[in-house]
Amino acid sequence: MSRKKTGKAPYADIGKSSGKRETILATALMLFTTQGVDATPTAQISREAKVSTGTLFHYFPDKNSLIDQVYLSIKKDLAEAIRDNNDETLLTKQRLETCFRGYITWGVANPEKVRFLDQFYNSPGICDDVKHQAYNDFAWMLELGNAAVREGVLPDLPGEFHLVMFTQILNGILALIESGCPGMSQDEIIENGLAMLWKQ
């Protein structure tokens, strides 16, 4: 996979500061998404991040811990982006749709993060503690989904069903935007994709 060279460090926005921990996280993300998690040794991450292996293990005791923290930092970033679009004055369906648009806007701006989330979500090694931490950042959205069910905006089906369906459709929209879809503009992809969310 080729990468465009820019004047700044790749994925430097993954953390709030420019400290070594954030540099390691950003470097790990870049390597994980370009060559795969399993094919990326910690020695390469520390070398690319320009820190010693000892420094890497000071922040992250092992590779699994590093992978978990990359995942959690991205999920937090995504949760904040979605919450920024949450307007509590809107009706429930409109609130959900603005949150979905926030997800799409974030995903278009962060395709590597979306790819990593997809890789990690399908990994069998996600521990319960990491799942719980990630869930906490999105608990309010699940409550919003429950309100949509009570109001008849969504069919009375399990929350897990809606979560998976919404995630698949939103990620499908992002994939089509990134790869292109003959005869459709980006706006058309988004509008038609969002319309499918309500046709379950």
Protein backbone atom coordinates (compact mmCIF):
# COMPACT_ATOMS: atom_id res chain seq x y z
CA MET A 1 0.00 0.00 0.00
CA SER A 2 1.56 3.31 -1.05
CA ARG A 3 1.38 6.33 1.22
CA LYS A 4 1.50 9.99 0.29
CA LYS A 5 4.29 11.89 1.96
CA THR A 6 3.28 15.00 3.85
CA GLY A 7 5.13 17.58 5.83
CA LYS A 8 3.95 16.27 9.21
CA ALA A 9 4.29 13.01 11.06
CA PRO A 10 1.58 10.51 10.03
CA TYR A 11 -1.43 10.32 12.35
CA ALA A 12 0.14 12.84 14.72
CA ASP A 13 -3.35 13.81 15.88
CA ILE A 14 -3.94 10.47 17.60
CA GLY A 15 -3.02 12.01 20.96
CA LYS A 16 -3.40 15.41 22.59
CA SER A 17 0.31 15.96 23.12
CA SER A 18 3.46 15.25 21.16
CA GLY A 19 4.95 13.02 23.87
CA LYS A 20 6.68 9.71 23.34
CA ARG A 21 3.58 7.70 24.20
CA GLU A 22 1.55 9.43 21.51
CA THR A 23 4.39 9.08 19.02
CA ILE A 24 4.48 5.33 19.66
CA LEU A 25 0.70 5.08 19.25
CA ALA A 26 0.76 7.03 15.99
CA THR A 27 3.64 4.98 14.61
CA ALA A 28 1.99 1.71 15.60
CA LEU A 29 -1.21 2.78 13.84
CA MET A 30 0.67 3.63 10.65
CA LEU A 31 2.51 0.30 10.62
CA PHE A 32 -0.51 -1.79 11.63
CA THR A 33 -2.62 -0.37 8.80
CA THR A 34 0.07 -0.59 6.13
CA GLN A 35 1.53 -4.04 6.83
CA GLY A 36 -0.83 -5.71 9.30
CA VAL A 37 -0.82 -6.16 13.06
CA ASP A 38 0.69 -9.64 13.10
CA ALA A 39 3.45 -8.65 10.65
CA THR A 40 4.56 -5.66 12.73
CA PRO A 41 7.10 -6.42 15.47
CA THR A 42 7.53 -4.07 18.43
CA ALA A 43 11.19 -3.60 17.47
CA GLN A 44 10.09 -2.02 14.19
CA ILE A 45 7.59 0.21 15.96
CA SER A 46 10.21 1.52 18.37
CA ARG A 47 12.70 2.02 15.52
CA GLU A 48 10.20 3.94 13.39
CA ALA A 49 9.06 5.97 16.42
CA LYS A 50 12.70 6.78 17.19
CA VAL A 51 12.49 5.49 20.75
CA SER A 52 14.24 2.60 22.44
CA THR A 53 12.46 -0.73 22.84
CA GLY A 54 12.74 -0.19 26.59
CA THR A 55 10.84 3.09 26.26
CA LEU A 56 8.09 1.37 24.27
CA PHE A 57 7.73 -1.31 26.93
CA HIS A 58 7.74 1.37 29.64
CA TYR A 59 4.47 2.70 28.23
CA PHE A 60 3.10 -0.60 26.90
CA PRO A 61 4.10 -3.81 28.74
CA ASP A 62 3.59 -5.97 25.66
CA LYS A 63 2.36 -5.81 22.08
CA ASN A 64 -1.22 -6.68 23.02
CA SER A 65 -1.32 -3.72 25.42
CA LEU A 66 -0.08 -1.46 22.64
CA ILE A 67 -2.73 -2.77 20.23
CA ASP A 68 -5.44 -2.26 22.86
CA GLN A 69 -4.35 1.32 23.50
CA VAL A 70 -4.26 2.19 19.80
CA TYR A 71 -7.81 0.84 19.58
CA LEU A 72 -9.05 2.72 22.66
CA SER A 73 -7.45 6.01 21.60
CA ILE A 74 -9.15 5.78 18.19
CA LYS A 75 -12.51 4.85 19.75
CA LYS A 76 -12.27 7.85 22.07
CA ASP A 77 -11.42 10.11 19.14
CA LEU A 78 -14.42 8.74 17.22
CA ALA A 79 -16.74 9.08 20.22
CA GLU A 80 -15.77 12.73 20.62
CA ALA A 81 -16.35 13.40 16.91
CA ILE A 82 -19.81 11.84 17.08
CA ARG A 83 -20.72 13.61 20.32
CA ASP A 84 -19.77 16.94 18.72
CA ASN A 85 -22.65 16.34 16.30
CA ASN A 86 -25.18 15.42 18.99
CA ASP A 87 -27.85 18.12 19.17
CA GLU A 88 -30.21 17.31 22.04
CA THR A 89 -32.80 19.82 20.76
CA LEU A 90 -33.49 17.62 17.73
CA LEU A 91 -35.98 14.77 17.49
CA THR A 92 -34.51 11.31 18.13
CA LYS A 93 -34.29 10.29 14.46
CA GLN A 94 -32.62 13.59 13.53
CA ARG A 95 -30.19 13.24 16.44
CA LEU A 96 -29.21 9.77 15.29
CA GLU A 97 -28.73 10.92 11.71
CA THR A 98 -26.53 13.87 12.71
CA CYS A 99 -24.42 11.47 14.78
CA PHE A 100 -24.14 9.15 11.78
CA ARG A 101 -23.04 12.08 9.65
CA GLY A 102 -20.42 12.87 12.28
CA TYR A 103 -19.15 9.30 11.97
CA ILE A 104 -18.92 9.64 8.19
CA THR A 105 -17.13 12.98 8.37
CA TRP A 106 -14.64 11.52 10.86
CA GLY A 107 -14.18 8.38 8.76
CA VAL A 108 -13.52 10.31 5.55
CA ALA A 109 -10.85 12.33 7.38
CA ASN A 110 -9.33 9.25 9.07
CA PRO A 111 -9.41 6.27 6.67
CA GLU A 112 -6.45 4.55 8.35
CA LYS A 113 -8.21 4.67 11.71
CA VAL A 114 -11.33 3.17 10.14
CA ARG A 115 -9.24 0.35 8.65
CA PHE A 116 -7.63 -0.35 12.01
CA LEU A 117 -10.99 -0.45 13.78
CA ASP A 118 -12.23 -2.92 11.18
CA GLN A 119 -9.15 -5.12 11.68
CA PHE A 120 -9.42 -4.96 15.45
CA TYR A 121 -13.19 -5.50 15.60
CA ASN A 122 -12.79 -8.79 13.76
CA SER A 123 -9.89 -9.90 15.94
CA PRO A 124 -10.59 -12.80 18.32
CA GLY A 125 -8.21 -11.34 20.90
CA ILE A 126 -10.30 -8.43 22.19
CA CYS A 127 -10.44 -8.76 25.98
CA ASP A 128 -13.55 -7.96 28.01
CA ASP A 129 -11.88 -5.03 29.79
CA VAL A 130 -11.06 -3.31 26.49
CA LYS A 131 -14.60 -3.93 25.22
CA HIS A 132 -16.00 -2.40 28.40
CA GLN A 133 -13.79 0.69 28.17
CA ALA A 134 -14.77 1.25 24.56
CA TYR A 135 -18.45 0.69 25.39
CA ASN A 136 -18.38 3.44 28.04
CA ASP A 137 -17.59 6.11 25.45
CA PHE A 138 -20.64 5.10 23.40
CA ALA A 139 -23.15 4.21 26.13
CA TRP A 140 -25.11 7.41 25.49
CA MET A 141 -25.61 6.39 21.85
CA LEU A 142 -27.06 3.04 22.89
CA GLU A 143 -29.49 4.93 25.12
CA LEU A 144 -30.40 7.09 22.13
CA GLY A 145 -31.00 3.92 20.10
CA ASN A 146 -33.27 2.56 22.84
CA ALA A 147 -35.25 5.80 22.75
CA ALA A 148 -35.60 5.40 18.98
CA VAL A 149 -37.05 1.91 19.51
CA ARG A 150 -39.50 3.15 22.16
CA GLU A 151 -40.65 5.94 19.83
CA GLY A 152 -41.09 3.58 16.89
CA VAL A 153 -38.29 5.22 14.90
CA LEU A 154 -36.51 1.85 14.81
CA PRO A 155 -38.09 -1.61 14.87
CA ASP A 156 -38.20 -3.38 18.23
CA LEU A 157 -35.13 -5.52 17.71
CA PRO A 158 -32.11 -6.13 19.96
CA GLY A 159 -29.67 -3.24 20.32
CA GLU A 160 -26.85 -5.47 19.07
CA PHE A 161 -28.75 -5.95 15.79
CA HIS A 162 -29.06 -2.20 15.24
CA LEU A 163 -25.44 -1.59 16.25
CA VAL A 164 -24.07 -4.14 13.77
CA MET A 165 -26.38 -3.02 10.96
CA PHE A 166 -25.60 0.66 11.43
CA THR A 167 -21.85 0.00 11.64
CA GLN A 168 -21.90 -2.12 8.49
CA ILE A 169 -23.87 0.45 6.49
CA LEU A 170 -21.76 3.39 7.70
CA ASN A 171 -18.53 1.53 6.95
CA GLY A 172 -19.97 0.59 3.54
CA ILE A 173 -20.57 4.29 2.85
CA LEU A 174 -16.97 5.06 3.82
CA ALA A 175 -15.63 2.23 1.64
CA LEU A 176 -17.59 3.48 -1.36
CA ILE A 177 -16.39 7.04 -0.80
CA GLU A 178 -12.77 5.89 -0.59
CA SER A 179 -12.90 3.56 -3.61
CA GLY A 180 -15.42 5.51 -5.66
CA CYS A 181 -18.74 4.35 -7.06
CA PRO A 182 -19.42 4.77 -10.80
CA GLY A 183 -22.19 7.25 -11.48
CA MET A 184 -22.46 8.50 -7.91
CA SER A 185 -20.98 11.56 -6.22
CA GLN A 186 -19.81 11.48 -2.61
CA ASP A 187 -22.97 13.31 -1.51
CA GLU A 188 -25.14 10.79 -3.37
CA ILE A 189 -23.34 7.89 -1.74
CA ILE A 190 -23.89 9.44 1.70
CA GLU A 191 -27.56 10.33 1.19
CA ASN A 192 -28.53 6.98 -0.32
CA GLY A 193 -26.49 5.10 2.25
CA LEU A 194 -28.09 6.95 5.17
CA ALA A 195 -31.53 6.26 3.71
CA MET A 196 -30.80 2.55 4.04
CA LEU A 197 -30.39 2.92 7.79
CA TRP A 198 -34.12 3.38 8.12
CA LYS A 199 -35.10 0.49 5.83
CA GLN A 200 -34.34 -2.37 8.15
